[in-house]
Amino acid sequence: MKELLEHLVKSLVDHPGDLRIAEIEGEKTALFELRCHSEDVGKIIGKGGKTIGAIRMLLTTVGARTGKRVLLEVVE
């Protein structure tokens, strides 16, 4: 899942080298903390939160196949 998230976000940002993804695994939950360059935060969130909502939906769908709840946080 981390690879999928990394691939999706790297294609959106202007500074892919500054991208950091931390994964915190639980028994039934996976939490991803996404850190990026300050100029790229708006691109990841998108207009009205549509882009981040779509990324979260994809991660939720993949997580449902493995029986895990997936959470994504964008940390500035």
PDB file of N, CA and C in Angstrom:
ATOM      1  N   MET A   1       0.811  -1.192   0.000  1.00  0.00           N
ATOM      2  CA  MET A   1       0.000   0.000   0.000  1.00  0.00           C
ATOM      3  C   MET A   1       0.858   1.262   0.000  1.00  0.00           C
ATOM      4  N   LYS A   2       1.957   1.198   0.728  1.00  0.00           N
ATOM      5  CA  LYS A   2       2.841   2.354   0.797  1.00  0.00           C
ATOM      6  C   LYS A   2       3.389   2.690  -0.593  1.00  0.00           C
ATOM      7  N   GLU A   3       3.703   1.664  -1.380  1.00  0.00           N
ATOM      8  CA  GLU A   3       4.220   1.880  -2.729  1.00  0.00           C
ATOM      9  C   GLU A   3       3.170   2.544  -3.618  1.00  0.00           C
ATOM     10  N   LEU A   4       1.922   2.122  -3.475  1.00  0.00           N
ATOM     11  CA  LEU A   4       0.833   2.728  -4.239  1.00  0.00           C
ATOM     12  C   LEU A   4       0.687   4.198  -3.882  1.00  0.00           C
ATOM     13  N   LEU A   5       0.675   4.503  -2.602  1.00  0.00           N
ATOM     14  CA  LEU A   5       0.557   5.887  -2.150  1.00  0.00           C
ATOM     15  C   LEU A   5       1.722   6.726  -2.656  1.00  0.00           C
ATOM     16  N   GLU A   6       2.924   6.183  -2.554  1.00  0.00           N
ATOM     17  CA  GLU A   6       4.112   6.906  -2.997  1.00  0.00           C
ATOM     18  C   GLU A   6       4.039   7.187  -4.505  1.00  0.00           C
ATOM     19  N   HIS A   7       3.621   6.222  -5.277  1.00  0.00           N
ATOM     20  CA  HIS A   7       3.511   6.393  -6.727  1.00  0.00           C
ATOM     21  C   HIS A   7       2.468   7.462  -7.075  1.00  0.00           C
ATOM     22  N   LEU A   8       1.326   7.420  -6.421  1.00  0.00           N
ATOM     23  CA  LEU A   8       0.266   8.391  -6.688  1.00  0.00           C
ATOM     24  C   LEU A   8       0.703   9.813  -6.368  1.00  0.00           C
ATOM     25  N   VAL A   9       1.306   9.990  -5.194  1.00  0.00           N
ATOM     26  CA  VAL A   9       1.651  11.337  -4.738  1.00  0.00           C
ATOM     27  C   VAL A   9       2.844  11.899  -5.503  1.00  0.00           C
ATOM     28  N   LYS A  10       3.820  11.056  -5.838  1.00  0.00           N
ATOM     29  CA  LYS A  10       4.986  11.551  -6.578  1.00  0.00           C
ATOM     30  C   LYS A  10       4.595  12.097  -7.943  1.00  0.00           C
ATOM     31  N   SER A  11       3.547  11.553  -8.532  1.00  0.00           N
ATOM     32  CA  SER A  11       3.126  12.044  -9.834  1.00  0.00           C
ATOM     33  C   SER A  11       2.409  13.397  -9.737  1.00  0.00           C
ATOM     34  N   LEU A  12       2.002  13.798  -8.533  1.00  0.00           N
ATOM     35  CA  LEU A  12       1.284  15.057  -8.344  1.00  0.00           C
ATOM     36  C   LEU A  12       2.178  16.231  -7.972  1.00  0.00           C
ATOM     37  N   VAL A  13       3.267  15.972  -7.275  1.00  0.00           N
ATOM     38  CA  VAL A  13       4.057  17.049  -6.667  1.00  0.00           C
ATOM     39  C   VAL A  13       5.190  17.532  -7.580  1.00  0.00           C
ATOM     40  N   ASP A  14       5.678  18.738  -7.291  1.00  0.00           N
ATOM     41  CA  ASP A  14       6.813  19.310  -8.018  1.00  0.00           C
ATOM     42  C   ASP A  14       8.147  18.946  -7.369  1.00  0.00           C
ATOM     43  N   HIS A  15       8.125  18.603  -6.087  1.00  0.00           N
ATOM     44  CA  HIS A  15       9.341  18.272  -5.343  1.00  0.00           C
ATOM     45  C   HIS A  15       9.236  16.838  -4.798  1.00  0.00           C
ATOM     46  N   PRO A  16       9.355  15.818  -5.652  1.00  0.00           N
ATOM     47  CA  PRO A  16       9.206  14.440  -5.169  1.00  0.00           C
ATOM     48  C   PRO A  16      10.320  13.999  -4.213  1.00  0.00           C
ATOM     49  N   GLY A  17      11.443  14.691  -4.242  1.00  0.00           N
ATOM     50  CA  GLY A  17      12.539  14.350  -3.332  1.00  0.00           C
ATOM     51  C   GLY A  17      12.236  14.694  -1.884  1.00  0.00           C
ATOM     52  N   ASP A  18      11.335  15.643  -1.662  1.00  0.00           N
ATOM     53  CA  ASP A  18      10.975  16.065  -0.309  1.00  0.00           C
ATOM     54  C   ASP A  18       9.839  15.243   0.279  1.00  0.00           C
ATOM     55  N   LEU A  19       9.368  14.266  -0.450  1.00  0.00           N
ATOM     56  CA  LEU A  19       8.229  13.462  -0.016  1.00  0.00           C
ATOM     57  C   LEU A  19       8.659  12.427   1.020  1.00  0.00           C
ATOM     58  N   ARG A  20       7.958  12.390   2.152  1.00  0.00           N
ATOM     59  CA  ARG A  20       8.225  11.412   3.215  1.00  0.00           C
ATOM     60  C   ARG A  20       6.910  10.763   3.619  1.00  0.00           C
ATOM     61  N   ILE A  21       6.890   9.441   3.633  1.00  0.00           N
ATOM     62  CA  ILE A  21       5.696   8.703   4.029  1.00  0.00           C
ATOM     63  C   ILE A  21       6.069   7.782   5.176  1.00  0.00           C
ATOM     64  N   ALA A  22       5.401   7.981   6.312  1.00  0.00           N
ATOM     65  CA  ALA A  22       5.607   7.122   7.481  1.00  0.00           C
ATOM     66  C   ALA A  22       4.386   6.225   7.622  1.00  0.00           C
ATOM     67  N   GLU A  23       4.647   4.945   7.817  1.00  0.00           N
ATOM     68  CA  GLU A  23       3.562   3.976   7.965  1.00  0.00           C
ATOM     69  C   GLU A  23       3.564   3.442   9.388  1.00  0.00           C
ATOM     70  N   ILE A  24       2.414   3.538  10.035  1.00  0.00           N
ATOM     71  CA  ILE A  24       2.256   3.013  11.385  1.00  0.00           C
ATOM     72  C   ILE A  24       1.223   1.886  11.301  1.00  0.00           C
ATOM     73  N   GLU A  25       1.693   0.669  11.480  1.00  0.00           N
ATOM     74  CA  GLU A  25       0.835  -0.507  11.339  1.00  0.00           C
ATOM     75  C   GLU A  25       0.257  -0.907  12.686  1.00  0.00           C
ATOM     76  N   GLY A  26      -1.020  -1.171  12.696  1.00  0.00           N
ATOM     77  CA  GLY A  26      -1.691  -1.720  13.851  1.00  0.00           C
ATOM     78  C   GLY A  26      -2.240  -3.088  13.494  1.00  0.00           C
ATOM     79  N   GLU A  27      -2.984  -3.673  14.401  1.00  0.00           N
ATOM     80  CA  GLU A  27      -3.542  -4.998  14.145  1.00  0.00           C
ATOM     81  C   GLU A  27      -4.578  -4.949  13.021  1.00  0.00           C
ATOM     82  N   LYS A  28      -5.464  -3.966  13.087  1.00  0.00           N
ATOM     83  CA  LYS A  28      -6.507  -3.842  12.077  1.00  0.00           C
ATOM     84  C   LYS A  28      -6.511  -2.488  11.392  1.00  0.00           C
ATOM     85  N   THR A  29      -5.490  -1.686  11.655  1.00  0.00           N
ATOM     86  CA  THR A  29      -5.441  -0.326  11.126  1.00  0.00           C
ATOM     87  C   THR A  29      -4.051  -0.021  10.584  1.00  0.00           C
ATOM     88  N   ALA A  30      -4.001   0.733   9.508  1.00  0.00           N
ATOM     89  CA  ALA A  30      -2.743   1.244   8.959  1.00  0.00           C
ATOM     90  C   ALA A  30      -2.881   2.758   8.835  1.00  0.00           C
ATOM     91  N   LEU A  31      -1.945   3.475   9.429  1.00  0.00           N
ATOM     92  CA  LEU A  31      -1.947   4.938   9.390  1.00  0.00           C
ATOM     93  C   LEU A  31      -0.748   5.398   8.575  1.00  0.00           C
ATOM     94  N   PHE A  32      -0.997   6.247   7.599  1.00  0.00           N
ATOM     95  CA  PHE A  32       0.066   6.817   6.786  1.00  0.00           C
ATOM     96  C   PHE A  32       0.146   8.306   7.060  1.00  0.00           C
ATOM     97  N   GLU A  33       1.356   8.776   7.390  1.00  0.00           N
ATOM     98  CA  GLU A  33       1.607  10.203   7.574  1.00  0.00           C
ATOM     99  C   GLU A  33       2.409  10.680   6.381  1.00  0.00           C
ATOM    100  N   LEU A  34       1.852  11.626   5.661  1.00  0.00           N
ATOM    101  CA  LEU A  34       2.461  12.126   4.442  1.00  0.00           C
ATOM    102  C   LEU A  34       3.044  13.506   4.705  1.00  0.00           C
ATOM    103  N   ARG A  35       4.335  13.652   4.481  1.00  0.00           N
ATOM    104  CA  ARG A  35       5.015  14.937   4.627  1.00  0.00           C
ATOM    105  C   ARG A  35       5.604  15.303   3.272  1.00  0.00           C
ATOM    106  N   CYS A  36       5.438  16.578   2.903  1.00  0.00           N
ATOM    107  CA  CYS A  36       5.943  17.020   1.613  1.00  0.00           C
ATOM    108  C   CYS A  36       6.377  18.476   1.702  1.00  0.00           C
ATOM    109  N   HIS A  37       6.903  18.969   0.608  1.00  0.00           N
ATOM    110  CA  HIS A  37       7.320  20.368   0.510  1.00  0.00           C
ATOM    111  C   HIS A  37       6.091  21.261   0.694  1.00  0.00           C
ATOM    112  N   SER A  38       6.276  22.406   1.318  1.00  0.00           N
ATOM    113  CA  SER A  38       5.144  23.283   1.625  1.00  0.00           C
ATOM    114  C   SER A  38       4.399  23.768   0.378  1.00  0.00           C
ATOM    115  N   GLU A  39       5.089  23.870  -0.745  1.00  0.00           N
ATOM    116  CA  GLU A  39       4.431  24.298  -1.982  1.00  0.00           C
ATOM    117  C   GLU A  39       3.534  23.214  -2.574  1.00  0.00           C
ATOM    118  N   ASP A  40       3.766  21.959  -2.196  1.00  0.00           N
ATOM    119  CA  ASP A  40       3.034  20.834  -2.777  1.00  0.00           C
ATOM    120  C   ASP A  40       1.797  20.429  -1.987  1.00  0.00           C
ATOM    121  N   VAL A  41       1.604  20.982  -0.808  1.00  0.00           N
ATOM    122  CA  VAL A  41       0.466  20.584   0.030  1.00  0.00           C
ATOM    123  C   VAL A  41      -0.854  20.856  -0.687  1.00  0.00           C
ATOM    124  N   GLY A  42      -0.963  21.989  -1.321  1.00  0.00           N
ATOM    125  CA  GLY A  42      -2.190  22.334  -2.029  1.00  0.00           C
ATOM    126  C   GLY A  42      -2.481  21.408  -3.193  1.00  0.00           C
ATOM    127  N   LYS A  43      -1.442  20.939  -3.855  1.00  0.00           N
ATOM    128  CA  LYS A  43      -1.624  20.017  -4.978  1.00  0.00           C
ATOM    129  C   LYS A  43      -2.121  18.664  -4.498  1.00  0.00           C
ATOM    130  N   ILE A  44      -1.645  18.241  -3.344  1.00  0.00           N
ATOM    131  CA  ILE A  44      -2.069  16.952  -2.797  1.00  0.00           C
ATOM    132  C   ILE A  44      -3.510  17.027  -2.296  1.00  0.00           C
ATOM    133  N   ILE A  45      -3.860  18.122  -1.649  1.00  0.00           N
ATOM    134  CA  ILE A  45      -5.218  18.266  -1.123  1.00  0.00           C
ATOM    135  C   ILE A  45      -6.210  18.496  -2.255  1.00  0.00           C
ATOM    136  N   GLY A  46      -5.856  19.332  -3.197  1.00  0.00           N
ATOM    137  CA  GLY A  46      -6.725  19.585  -4.345  1.00  0.00           C
ATOM    138  C   GLY A  46      -7.828  20.569  -4.024  1.00  0.00           C
ATOM    139  N   LYS A  47      -8.546  20.953  -5.037  1.00  0.00           N
ATOM    140  CA  LYS A  47      -9.614  21.930  -4.893  1.00  0.00           C
ATOM    141  C   LYS A  47     -10.774  21.312  -4.122  1.00  0.00           C
ATOM    142  N   GLY A  48     -11.051  21.873  -2.966  1.00  0.00           N
ATOM    143  CA  GLY A  48     -12.141  21.364  -2.138  1.00  0.00           C
ATOM    144  C   GLY A  48     -11.842  20.008  -1.518  1.00  0.00           C
ATOM    145  N   GLY A  49     -10.574  19.591  -1.526  1.00  0.00           N
ATOM    146  CA  GLY A  49     -10.198  18.312  -0.940  1.00  0.00           C
ATOM    147  C   GLY A  49     -10.513  17.110  -1.824  1.00  0.00           C
ATOM    148  N   LYS A  50     -10.762  17.346  -3.087  1.00  0.00           N
ATOM    149  CA  LYS A  50     -11.142  16.251  -3.981  1.00  0.00           C
ATOM    150  C   LYS A  50      -9.994  15.283  -4.249  1.00  0.00           C
ATOM    151  N   THR A  51      -8.781  15.794  -4.413  1.00  0.00           N
ATOM    152  CA  THR A  51      -7.645  14.924  -4.712  1.00  0.00           C
ATOM    153  C   THR A  51      -7.318  14.030  -3.532  1.00  0.00           C
ATOM    154  N   ILE A  52      -7.202  14.597  -2.338  1.00  0.00           N
ATOM    155  CA  ILE A  52      -6.894  13.785  -1.165  1.00  0.00           C
ATOM    156  C   ILE A  52      -8.037  12.813  -0.864  1.00  0.00           C
ATOM    157  N   GLY A  53      -9.250  13.227  -1.152  1.00  0.00           N
ATOM    158  CA  GLY A  53     -10.399  12.337  -0.969  1.00  0.00           C
ATOM    159  C   GLY A  53     -10.323  11.126  -1.887  1.00  0.00           C
ATOM    160  N   ALA A  54      -9.900  11.349  -3.131  1.00  0.00           N
ATOM    161  CA  ALA A  54      -9.765  10.247  -4.083  1.00  0.00           C
ATOM    162  C   ALA A  54      -8.638   9.306  -3.675  1.00  0.00           C
ATOM    163  N   ILE A  55      -7.527   9.858  -3.194  1.00  0.00           N
ATOM    164  CA  ILE A  55      -6.408   9.027  -2.738  1.00  0.00           C
ATOM    165  C   ILE A  55      -6.841   8.198  -1.530  1.00  0.00           C
ATOM    166  N   ARG A  56      -7.549   8.821  -0.598  1.00  0.00           N
ATOM    167  CA  ARG A  56      -8.036   8.090   0.577  1.00  0.00           C
ATOM    168  C   ARG A  56      -8.993   6.973   0.178  1.00  0.00           C
ATOM    169  N   MET A  57      -9.845   7.222  -0.823  1.00  0.00           N
ATOM    170  CA  MET A  57     -10.792   6.209  -1.286  1.00  0.00           C
ATOM    171  C   MET A  57     -10.051   5.011  -1.887  1.00  0.00           C
ATOM    172  N   LEU A  58      -9.009   5.279  -2.671  1.00  0.00           N
ATOM    173  CA  LEU A  58      -8.216   4.185  -3.235  1.00  0.00           C
ATOM    174  C   LEU A  58      -7.548   3.362  -2.143  1.00  0.00           C
ATOM    175  N   LEU A  59      -6.969   4.037  -1.153  1.00  0.00           N
ATOM    176  CA  LEU A  59      -6.313   3.325  -0.060  1.00  0.00           C
ATOM    177  C   LEU A  59      -7.321   2.523   0.766  1.00  0.00           C
ATOM    178  N   THR A  60      -8.506   3.083   0.965  1.00  0.00           N
ATOM    179  CA  THR A  60      -9.551   2.375   1.708  1.00  0.00           C
ATOM    180  C   THR A  60      -9.978   1.114   0.969  1.00  0.00           C
ATOM    181  N   THR A  61     -10.085   1.198  -0.347  1.00  0.00           N
ATOM    182  CA  THR A  61     -10.471   0.045  -1.152  1.00  0.00           C
ATOM    183  C   THR A  61      -9.410  -1.052  -1.094  1.00  0.00           C
ATOM    184  N   VAL A  62      -8.150  -0.674  -1.217  1.00  0.00           N
ATOM    185  CA  VAL A  62      -7.069  -1.652  -1.139  1.00  0.00           C
ATOM    186  C   VAL A  62      -7.002  -2.245   0.269  1.00  0.00           C
ATOM    187  N   GLY A  63      -7.196  -1.419   1.283  1.00  0.00           N
ATOM    188  CA  GLY A  63      -7.175  -1.900   2.661  1.00  0.00           C
ATOM    189  C   GLY A  63      -8.312  -2.847   2.968  1.00  0.00           C
ATOM    190  N   ALA A  64      -9.455  -2.627   2.360  1.00  0.00           N
ATOM    191  CA  ALA A  64     -10.603  -3.501   2.595  1.00  0.00           C
ATOM    192  C   ALA A  64     -10.329  -4.916   2.098  1.00  0.00           C
ATOM    193  N   ARG A  65      -9.554  -5.038   1.058  1.00  0.00           N
ATOM    194  CA  ARG A  65      -9.193  -6.365   0.541  1.00  0.00           C
ATOM    195  C   ARG A  65      -8.341  -7.153   1.529  1.00  0.00           C
ATOM    196  N   THR A  66      -7.544  -6.441   2.305  1.00  0.00           N
ATOM    197  CA  THR A  66      -6.691  -7.107   3.292  1.00  0.00           C
ATOM    198  C   THR A  66      -7.312  -7.105   4.680  1.00  0.00           C
ATOM    199  N   GLY A  67      -8.484  -6.503   4.810  1.00  0.00           N
ATOM    200  CA  GLY A  67      -9.167  -6.469   6.100  1.00  0.00           C
ATOM    201  C   GLY A  67      -8.652  -5.409   7.044  1.00  0.00           C
ATOM    202  N   LYS A  68      -8.021  -4.372   6.511  1.00  0.00           N
ATOM    203  CA  LYS A  68      -7.488  -3.296   7.354  1.00  0.00           C
ATOM    204  C   LYS A  68      -8.192  -1.986   7.071  1.00  0.00           C
ATOM    205  N   ARG A  69      -8.284  -1.172   8.101  1.00  0.00           N
ATOM    206  CA  ARG A  69      -8.773   0.192   7.965  1.00  0.00           C
ATOM    207  C   ARG A  69      -7.567   1.075   7.709  1.00  0.00           C
ATOM    208  N   VAL A  70      -7.645   1.910   6.694  1.00  0.00           N
ATOM    209  CA  VAL A  70      -6.506   2.742   6.304  1.00  0.00           C
ATOM    210  C   VAL A  70      -6.832   4.207   6.523  1.00  0.00           C
ATOM    211  N   LEU A  71      -5.913   4.912   7.173  1.00  0.00           N
ATOM    212  CA  LEU A  71      -6.043   6.345   7.432  1.00  0.00           C
ATOM    213  C   LEU A  71      -4.866   7.063   6.807  1.00  0.00           C
ATOM    214  N   LEU A  72      -5.125   8.240   6.248  1.00  0.00           N
ATOM    215  CA  LEU A  72      -4.082   9.043   5.638  1.00  0.00           C
ATOM    216  C   LEU A  72      -4.136  10.456   6.194  1.00  0.00           C
ATOM    217  N   GLU A  73      -3.015  10.926   6.713  1.00  0.00           N
ATOM    218  CA  GLU A  73      -2.910  12.285   7.230  1.00  0.00           C
ATOM    219  C   GLU A  73      -1.828  13.032   6.469  1.00  0.00           C
ATOM    220  N   VAL A  74      -2.122  14.271   6.106  1.00  0.00           N
ATOM    221  CA  VAL A  74      -1.130  15.132   5.485  1.00  0.00           C
ATOM    222  C   VAL A  74      -0.585  16.036   6.588  1.00  0.00           C
ATOM    223  N   VAL A  75       0.701  15.899   6.863  1.00  0.00           N
ATOM    224  CA  VAL A  75       1.350  16.648   7.937  1.00  0.00           C
ATOM    225  C   VAL A  75       2.222  17.722   7.302  1.00  0.00           C
ATOM    226  N   GLU A  76       2.052  18.961   7.764  1.00  0.00           N
ATOM    227  CA  GLU A  76       2.861  20.061   7.201  1.00  0.00           C
ATOM    228  C   GLU A  76       4.175  20.183   7.896  1.00  0.00           C
TER     229      GLU A  76
END
